[in-house]
Amino acid sequence: HENCDNNEIFNMFTQEERYTELLEPVPKPQQVPQNDNNVISEVTDVEQEGETVEQHSANFEETCALYDSLYQNLAVEVEKVNSVNRKLKETNAYLTTELARKEKVEV
C-alpha cells in the first residue's frame, strides 16, 4: 500500500515537471500612456501562433493609409447624411407652416 502511495507521489511530481516544461514564461505587461487623441501607434512585434513575428513598416504604413482613407470616406458620408437631414428639417418646417396656413384659410 505504501509503495502505491509513493508511486502516485512520484507520478504526480514527474507529471508536474513535464507540465511546467511546456509552460512559457508570461511576459510582463507593457504600460501604454492613454490620451484622448486619435493616435495609431506603430507596433513592430506581434504574436502569431505563439511566436513573435516582426511586423514590416510597409504593412504598418499601408494599414495607416487604409484607416485614413476609411476615416475620410466616413467623414464624407456623415456630411452627406447631415446635409440631407438639414434639408429635411427645412422641408418639414415649410410644410408645417403651409399646413397651418391652409387650415386657417379653411376655417
N, C-alpha and C. Protein backbone atom coordinates (compact mmCIF):
# COMPACT_ATOMS: atom_id res chain seq x y z
N HIS A 1 0.83 -1.20 0.00
CA HIS A 1 0.00 0.00 0.00
C HIS A 1 0.86 1.26 0.00
N GLU A 2 1.95 1.25 0.85
CA GLU A 2 2.82 2.41 0.91
C GLU A 2 3.55 2.61 -0.41
N ASN A 3 3.92 1.51 -1.07
CA ASN A 3 4.58 1.58 -2.37
C ASN A 3 3.69 2.27 -3.40
N CYS A 4 2.43 1.97 -3.36
CA CYS A 4 1.47 2.58 -4.29
C CYS A 4 1.41 4.08 -4.05
N ASP A 5 1.38 4.48 -2.79
CA ASP A 5 1.34 5.90 -2.48
C ASP A 5 2.59 6.61 -2.99
N ASN A 6 3.75 5.96 -2.80
CA ASN A 6 4.99 6.56 -3.29
C ASN A 6 4.99 6.69 -4.81
N ASN A 7 4.45 5.68 -5.49
CA ASN A 7 4.36 5.76 -6.95
C ASN A 7 3.45 6.90 -7.39
N GLU A 8 2.33 7.04 -6.67
CA GLU A 8 1.42 8.14 -7.01
C GLU A 8 2.09 9.49 -6.82
N ILE A 9 2.84 9.62 -5.72
CA ILE A 9 3.55 10.88 -5.47
C ILE A 9 4.60 11.10 -6.54
N PHE A 10 5.36 10.04 -6.88
CA PHE A 10 6.38 10.15 -7.92
C PHE A 10 5.74 10.58 -9.25
N ASN A 11 4.63 9.91 -9.62
CA ASN A 11 3.94 10.25 -10.87
C ASN A 11 3.44 11.69 -10.86
N MET A 12 2.96 12.13 -9.69
CA MET A 12 2.46 13.49 -9.60
C MET A 12 3.58 14.49 -9.88
N PHE A 13 4.78 14.24 -9.30
CA PHE A 13 5.88 15.16 -9.50
C PHE A 13 6.42 15.11 -10.92
N THR A 14 6.51 13.92 -11.50
CA THR A 14 7.02 13.85 -12.87
C THR A 14 6.05 14.50 -13.84
N GLN A 15 4.75 14.33 -13.60
CA GLN A 15 3.77 15.00 -14.46
C GLN A 15 3.87 16.51 -14.31
N GLU A 16 4.07 16.96 -13.08
CA GLU A 16 4.20 18.39 -12.85
C GLU A 16 5.43 18.94 -13.56
N GLU A 17 6.55 18.18 -13.51
CA GLU A 17 7.76 18.61 -14.21
C GLU A 17 7.51 18.73 -15.71
N ARG A 18 6.86 17.71 -16.28
CA ARG A 18 6.57 17.75 -17.72
C ARG A 18 5.65 18.92 -18.05
N TYR A 19 4.69 19.17 -17.16
CA TYR A 19 3.73 20.25 -17.41
C TYR A 19 4.43 21.61 -17.36
N THR A 20 5.30 21.81 -16.36
CA THR A 20 5.96 23.10 -16.24
C THR A 20 6.95 23.33 -17.37
N GLU A 21 7.49 22.26 -17.94
CA GLU A 21 8.38 22.43 -19.10
C GLU A 21 7.62 22.98 -20.30
N LEU A 22 6.33 22.66 -20.38
CA LEU A 22 5.52 23.14 -21.50
C LEU A 22 5.12 24.60 -21.35
N LEU A 23 5.12 25.07 -20.11
CA LEU A 23 4.69 26.44 -19.87
C LEU A 23 5.75 27.42 -20.35
N GLU A 24 5.29 28.48 -20.99
CA GLU A 24 6.20 29.54 -21.39
C GLU A 24 6.10 30.65 -20.36
N PRO A 25 7.17 31.39 -20.14
CA PRO A 25 7.08 32.49 -19.18
C PRO A 25 6.07 33.54 -19.68
N VAL A 26 5.33 34.09 -18.75
CA VAL A 26 4.35 35.11 -19.10
C VAL A 26 5.08 36.44 -19.21
N PRO A 27 4.97 37.13 -20.35
CA PRO A 27 5.67 38.41 -20.48
C PRO A 27 5.04 39.46 -19.58
N LYS A 28 5.87 40.40 -19.15
CA LYS A 28 5.35 41.49 -18.32
C LYS A 28 4.49 42.40 -19.19
N PRO A 29 3.35 42.85 -18.66
CA PRO A 29 2.52 43.75 -19.46
C PRO A 29 3.23 45.07 -19.68
N GLN A 30 3.04 45.63 -20.85
CA GLN A 30 3.66 46.91 -21.17
C GLN A 30 2.62 48.00 -21.00
N GLN A 31 2.97 49.01 -20.24
CA GLN A 31 2.07 50.12 -20.00
C GLN A 31 2.18 51.11 -21.14
N VAL A 32 1.02 51.51 -21.68
CA VAL A 32 0.99 52.50 -22.75
C VAL A 32 0.21 53.69 -22.23
N PRO A 33 0.81 54.89 -22.25
CA PRO A 33 0.06 56.05 -21.76
C PRO A 33 -1.18 56.29 -22.62
N GLN A 34 -2.29 56.61 -21.97
CA GLN A 34 -3.55 56.85 -22.66
C GLN A 34 -3.76 58.35 -22.81
N ASN A 35 -4.33 58.73 -23.94
CA ASN A 35 -4.76 60.11 -24.11
C ASN A 35 -6.00 60.14 -24.97
N ASP A 36 -6.58 61.32 -25.16
CA ASP A 36 -7.83 61.44 -25.89
C ASP A 36 -7.62 61.66 -27.39
N ASN A 37 -6.39 61.69 -27.84
CA ASN A 37 -6.13 61.92 -29.27
C ASN A 37 -6.36 60.64 -30.05
N ASN A 38 -6.71 60.80 -31.32
CA ASN A 38 -6.86 59.64 -32.20
C ASN A 38 -5.49 59.32 -32.77
N VAL A 39 -4.74 58.50 -32.05
CA VAL A 39 -3.37 58.18 -32.43
C VAL A 39 -3.27 56.69 -32.66
N ILE A 40 -2.64 56.31 -33.77
CA ILE A 40 -2.35 54.90 -34.02
C ILE A 40 -0.85 54.74 -33.82
N SER A 41 -0.46 53.89 -32.86
CA SER A 41 0.95 53.70 -32.56
C SER A 41 1.49 52.55 -33.40
N GLU A 42 2.76 52.66 -33.78
CA GLU A 42 3.38 51.59 -34.56
C GLU A 42 3.79 50.46 -33.64
N VAL A 43 3.41 49.27 -33.98
CA VAL A 43 3.79 48.07 -33.24
C VAL A 43 4.69 47.27 -34.17
N THR A 44 5.93 47.02 -33.72
CA THR A 44 6.85 46.31 -34.61
C THR A 44 6.81 44.81 -34.41
N ASP A 45 6.42 44.34 -33.23
CA ASP A 45 6.35 42.91 -32.98
C ASP A 45 4.91 42.52 -32.66
N VAL A 46 4.46 41.44 -33.27
CA VAL A 46 3.14 40.90 -32.97
C VAL A 46 3.29 39.41 -32.68
N GLU A 47 2.40 38.88 -31.85
CA GLU A 47 2.46 37.45 -31.54
C GLU A 47 1.50 36.71 -32.44
N GLN A 48 2.01 35.68 -33.11
CA GLN A 48 1.20 34.90 -34.03
C GLN A 48 1.50 33.43 -33.78
N GLU A 49 0.47 32.68 -33.38
CA GLU A 49 0.60 31.25 -33.11
C GLU A 49 1.74 30.97 -32.13
N GLY A 50 1.81 31.78 -31.07
CA GLY A 50 2.81 31.55 -30.03
C GLY A 50 4.20 32.04 -30.35
N GLU A 51 4.43 32.55 -31.55
CA GLU A 51 5.75 33.05 -31.92
C GLU A 51 5.67 34.55 -32.15
N THR A 52 6.74 35.24 -31.79
CA THR A 52 6.78 36.68 -32.03
C THR A 52 7.27 36.91 -33.45
N VAL A 53 6.50 37.68 -34.20
CA VAL A 53 6.82 37.95 -35.60
C VAL A 53 6.98 39.45 -35.75
N GLU A 54 8.05 39.86 -36.41
CA GLU A 54 8.26 41.29 -36.62
C GLU A 54 7.34 41.77 -37.73
N GLN A 55 6.66 42.89 -37.47
CA GLN A 55 5.75 43.46 -38.46
C GLN A 55 6.54 44.43 -39.33
N HIS A 56 6.36 44.34 -40.63
CA HIS A 56 7.09 45.22 -41.54
C HIS A 56 6.49 46.61 -41.52
N SER A 57 7.34 47.63 -41.58
CA SER A 57 6.85 49.01 -41.53
C SER A 57 6.00 49.33 -42.76
N ALA A 58 6.23 48.64 -43.89
CA ALA A 58 5.41 48.87 -45.08
C ALA A 58 3.97 48.46 -44.80
N ASN A 59 3.79 47.33 -44.10
CA ASN A 59 2.44 46.90 -43.72
C ASN A 59 1.80 47.91 -42.78
N PHE A 60 2.59 48.44 -41.85
CA PHE A 60 2.07 49.43 -40.91
C PHE A 60 1.62 50.68 -41.66
N GLU A 61 2.46 51.17 -42.57
CA GLU A 61 2.10 52.37 -43.34
C GLU A 61 0.87 52.11 -44.20
N GLU A 62 0.79 50.93 -44.79
CA GLU A 62 -0.37 50.57 -45.60
C GLU A 62 -1.63 50.55 -44.75
N THR A 63 -1.52 49.98 -43.55
CA THR A 63 -2.66 49.94 -42.64
C THR A 63 -3.08 51.34 -42.23
N CYS A 64 -2.12 52.20 -41.92
CA CYS A 64 -2.44 53.59 -41.56
C CYS A 64 -3.12 54.30 -42.72
N ALA A 65 -2.62 54.09 -43.93
CA ALA A 65 -3.23 54.73 -45.10
C ALA A 65 -4.66 54.22 -45.30
N LEU A 66 -4.87 52.94 -45.07
CA LEU A 66 -6.21 52.38 -45.19
C LEU A 66 -7.15 52.99 -44.16
N TYR A 67 -6.70 53.07 -42.91
CA TYR A 67 -7.53 53.68 -41.86
C TYR A 67 -7.82 55.14 -42.18
N ASP A 68 -6.83 55.85 -42.66
CA ASP A 68 -7.03 57.26 -43.01
C ASP A 68 -8.07 57.39 -44.12
N SER A 69 -7.97 56.54 -45.13
CA SER A 69 -8.92 56.55 -46.23
C SER A 69 -10.33 56.22 -45.74
N LEU A 70 -10.44 55.20 -44.90
CA LEU A 70 -11.74 54.84 -44.34
C LEU A 70 -12.33 55.98 -43.53
N TYR A 71 -11.49 56.64 -42.74
CA TYR A 71 -11.95 57.77 -41.93
C TYR A 71 -12.45 58.90 -42.82
N GLN A 72 -11.69 59.22 -43.87
CA GLN A 72 -12.09 60.29 -44.79
C GLN A 72 -13.41 59.95 -45.48
N ASN A 73 -13.55 58.71 -45.94
CA ASN A 73 -14.80 58.28 -46.59
C ASN A 73 -15.97 58.36 -45.63
N LEU A 74 -15.74 57.96 -44.39
CA LEU A 74 -16.80 58.03 -43.38
C LEU A 74 -17.19 59.48 -43.11
N ALA A 75 -16.21 60.37 -43.03
CA ALA A 75 -16.50 61.79 -42.80
C ALA A 75 -17.34 62.36 -43.94
N VAL A 76 -17.04 61.97 -45.18
CA VAL A 76 -17.82 62.43 -46.34
C VAL A 76 -19.25 61.92 -46.24
N GLU A 77 -19.42 60.65 -45.89
CA GLU A 77 -20.76 60.07 -45.77
C GLU A 77 -21.55 60.74 -44.64
N VAL A 78 -20.90 61.02 -43.53
CA VAL A 78 -21.57 61.70 -42.42
C VAL A 78 -22.02 63.08 -42.85
N GLU A 79 -21.19 63.80 -43.58
CA GLU A 79 -21.57 65.13 -44.06
C GLU A 79 -22.76 65.04 -45.01
N LYS A 80 -22.79 64.03 -45.87
CA LYS A 80 -23.94 63.85 -46.77
C LYS A 80 -25.22 63.63 -45.96
N VAL A 81 -25.16 62.77 -44.96
CA VAL A 81 -26.32 62.49 -44.12
C VAL A 81 -26.76 63.75 -43.38
N ASN A 82 -25.80 64.50 -42.85
CA ASN A 82 -26.13 65.75 -42.15
C ASN A 82 -26.79 66.75 -43.09
N SER A 83 -26.31 66.82 -44.33
CA SER A 83 -26.89 67.73 -45.32
C SER A 83 -28.34 67.34 -45.63
N VAL A 84 -28.57 66.05 -45.84
CA VAL A 84 -29.93 65.57 -46.10
C VAL A 84 -30.83 65.87 -44.91
N ASN A 85 -30.32 65.65 -43.70
CA ASN A 85 -31.12 65.94 -42.50
C ASN A 85 -31.47 67.42 -42.41
N ARG A 86 -30.51 68.31 -42.72
CA ARG A 86 -30.80 69.76 -42.70
C ARG A 86 -31.90 70.10 -43.69
N LYS A 87 -31.80 69.54 -44.91
CA LYS A 87 -32.82 69.81 -45.94
C LYS A 87 -34.18 69.27 -45.52
N LEU A 88 -34.20 68.10 -44.91
CA LEU A 88 -35.47 67.53 -44.44
C LEU A 88 -36.09 68.37 -43.33
N LYS A 89 -35.27 68.90 -42.44
CA LYS A 89 -35.78 69.78 -41.38
C LYS A 89 -36.39 71.04 -41.99
N GLU A 90 -35.68 71.61 -42.98
CA GLU A 90 -36.21 72.81 -43.65
C GLU A 90 -37.53 72.50 -44.34
N THR A 91 -37.57 71.37 -45.05
CA THR A 91 -38.80 70.98 -45.74
C THR A 91 -39.93 70.72 -44.75
N ASN A 92 -39.60 70.07 -43.65
CA ASN A 92 -40.60 69.80 -42.62
C ASN A 92 -41.15 71.10 -42.04
N ALA A 93 -40.27 72.05 -41.75
CA ALA A 93 -40.72 73.35 -41.22
C ALA A 93 -41.61 74.06 -42.24
N TYR A 94 -41.22 74.05 -43.50
CA TYR A 94 -42.02 74.70 -44.56
C TYR A 94 -43.39 74.04 -44.67
N LEU A 95 -43.43 72.71 -44.71
CA LEU A 95 -44.71 72.00 -44.84
C LEU A 95 -45.60 72.21 -43.61
N THR A 96 -45.00 72.26 -42.44
CA THR A 96 -45.78 72.52 -41.22
C THR A 96 -46.41 73.91 -41.28
N THR A 97 -45.63 74.90 -41.75
CA THR A 97 -46.15 76.27 -41.89
C THR A 97 -47.26 76.31 -42.93
N GLU A 98 -47.05 75.66 -44.06
CA GLU A 98 -48.07 75.64 -45.12
C GLU A 98 -49.34 74.95 -44.65
N LEU A 99 -49.21 73.86 -43.92
CA LEU A 99 -50.39 73.15 -43.41
C LEU A 99 -51.17 74.04 -42.45
N ALA A 100 -50.46 74.71 -41.56
CA ALA A 100 -51.12 75.61 -40.60
C ALA A 100 -51.82 76.74 -41.34
N ARG A 101 -51.19 77.30 -42.38
CA ARG A 101 -51.79 78.39 -43.16
C ARG A 101 -53.05 77.91 -43.86
N LYS A 102 -53.02 76.75 -44.48
CA LYS A 102 -54.19 76.21 -45.19
C LYS A 102 -55.32 75.89 -44.23
N GLU A 103 -54.96 75.38 -43.04
CA GLU A 103 -56.00 75.09 -42.05
C GLU A 103 -56.70 76.37 -41.60
N LYS A 104 -55.97 77.49 -41.49
CA LYS A 104 -56.57 78.77 -41.12
C LYS A 104 -57.51 79.26 -42.21
N VAL A 105 -57.11 79.07 -43.46
CA VAL A 105 -57.92 79.53 -44.59
C VAL A 105 -59.23 78.74 -44.64
N GLU A 106 -59.17 77.46 -44.38
CA GLU A 106 -60.36 76.61 -44.45
C GLU A 106 -61.32 76.88 -43.31
N VAL A 107 -60.88 77.39 -42.21
CA VAL A 107 -61.76 77.62 -41.05
C VAL A 107 -62.49 78.91 -41.15
